[in-house]
Amino acid sequence: MKASKDMIIADILKLGEGIAPYFMKAGLRCASGCPSAQRETLEEAGIGHGVDVDALIVEINAHLEAQGA
């Protein structure tokens, strides 16, 4: 399964190991257990934090593909 910007952050993190560092690198600390990660989509978080979610999705999906997920 691929990640998309309309997915809840917690659901993206469950797609495979090693995804959290991509969130941290982008400035989204929600990957470290923020309650908002349970209800907020990546797009909503990106808007709130000024993050290019399209670029982040490309990185996450490339990671997942490399992992065979």
Protein backbone atom coordinates (compact mmCIF):
# COMPACT_ATOMS: atom_id res chain seq x y z
CA MET A 1 0.00 0.00 0.00
CA LYS A 2 1.20 3.50 -0.79
CA ALA A 3 0.97 6.52 1.46
CA SER A 4 -1.18 9.48 0.44
CA LYS A 5 -1.63 12.94 1.88
CA ASP A 6 -5.25 12.24 2.82
CA MET A 7 -4.22 9.40 5.16
CA ILE A 8 -4.11 9.76 8.94
CA ILE A 9 -0.50 10.14 10.10
CA ALA A 10 -0.69 7.13 12.43
CA ASP A 11 -1.86 4.98 9.52
CA ILE A 12 1.07 6.09 7.37
CA LEU A 13 3.48 5.21 10.16
CA LYS A 14 2.00 1.70 10.28
CA LEU A 15 2.76 1.06 6.59
CA GLY A 16 6.33 0.01 7.31
CA GLU A 17 9.40 0.44 9.44
CA GLY A 18 11.65 3.44 9.04
CA ILE A 19 8.99 5.99 8.09
CA ALA A 20 9.16 8.15 11.23
CA PRO A 21 12.57 9.67 10.34
CA TYR A 22 11.05 11.14 7.17
CA PHE A 23 8.46 12.96 9.27
CA MET A 24 11.13 14.21 11.66
CA LYS A 25 13.36 15.41 8.81
CA ALA A 26 10.41 17.34 7.36
CA GLY A 27 9.77 19.02 10.72
CA LEU A 28 6.71 17.00 11.67
CA ARG A 29 7.39 15.83 15.20
CA CYS A 30 3.98 14.11 15.24
CA ALA A 31 5.74 10.86 14.41
CA SER A 32 7.10 10.75 17.94
CA GLY A 33 3.73 10.20 19.56
CA CYS A 34 1.79 13.44 19.27
CA PRO A 35 -1.94 12.84 19.89
CA SER A 36 -2.74 14.71 16.67
CA ALA A 37 -1.14 11.87 14.71
CA GLN A 38 -4.14 9.72 15.60
CA ARG A 39 -6.69 12.03 13.97
CA GLU A 40 -4.89 14.41 11.61
CA THR A 41 -4.17 13.72 7.96
CA LEU A 42 -0.74 14.35 6.54
CA GLU A 43 -2.16 17.17 4.46
CA GLU A 44 -3.68 18.85 7.54
CA ALA A 45 -0.39 18.56 9.42
CA GLY A 46 1.52 19.88 6.41
CA ILE A 47 -0.68 22.94 6.17
CA GLY A 48 -0.31 23.61 9.89
CA HIS A 49 3.46 23.25 9.83
CA GLY A 50 4.30 24.60 6.37
CA VAL A 51 5.56 21.25 5.04
CA ASP A 52 5.60 20.22 1.38
CA VAL A 53 3.53 17.05 1.82
CA ASP A 54 3.78 16.12 -1.86
CA ALA A 55 7.56 15.87 -1.57
CA LEU A 56 7.25 13.97 1.71
CA ILE A 57 4.85 11.46 0.15
CA VAL A 58 7.31 10.85 -2.70
CA GLU A 59 10.08 10.13 -0.18
CA ILE A 60 7.92 7.85 1.98
CA ASN A 61 6.61 5.88 -1.00
CA ALA A 62 10.13 5.48 -2.40
CA HIS A 63 11.20 4.14 0.99
CA LEU A 64 8.27 1.73 1.09
CA GLU A 65 9.01 0.53 -2.44
CA ALA A 66 12.67 -0.05 -1.56
CA GLN A 67 11.53 -2.07 1.46
CA GLY A 68 9.24 -4.16 -0.70
CA ALA A 69 6.12 -2.94 1.05
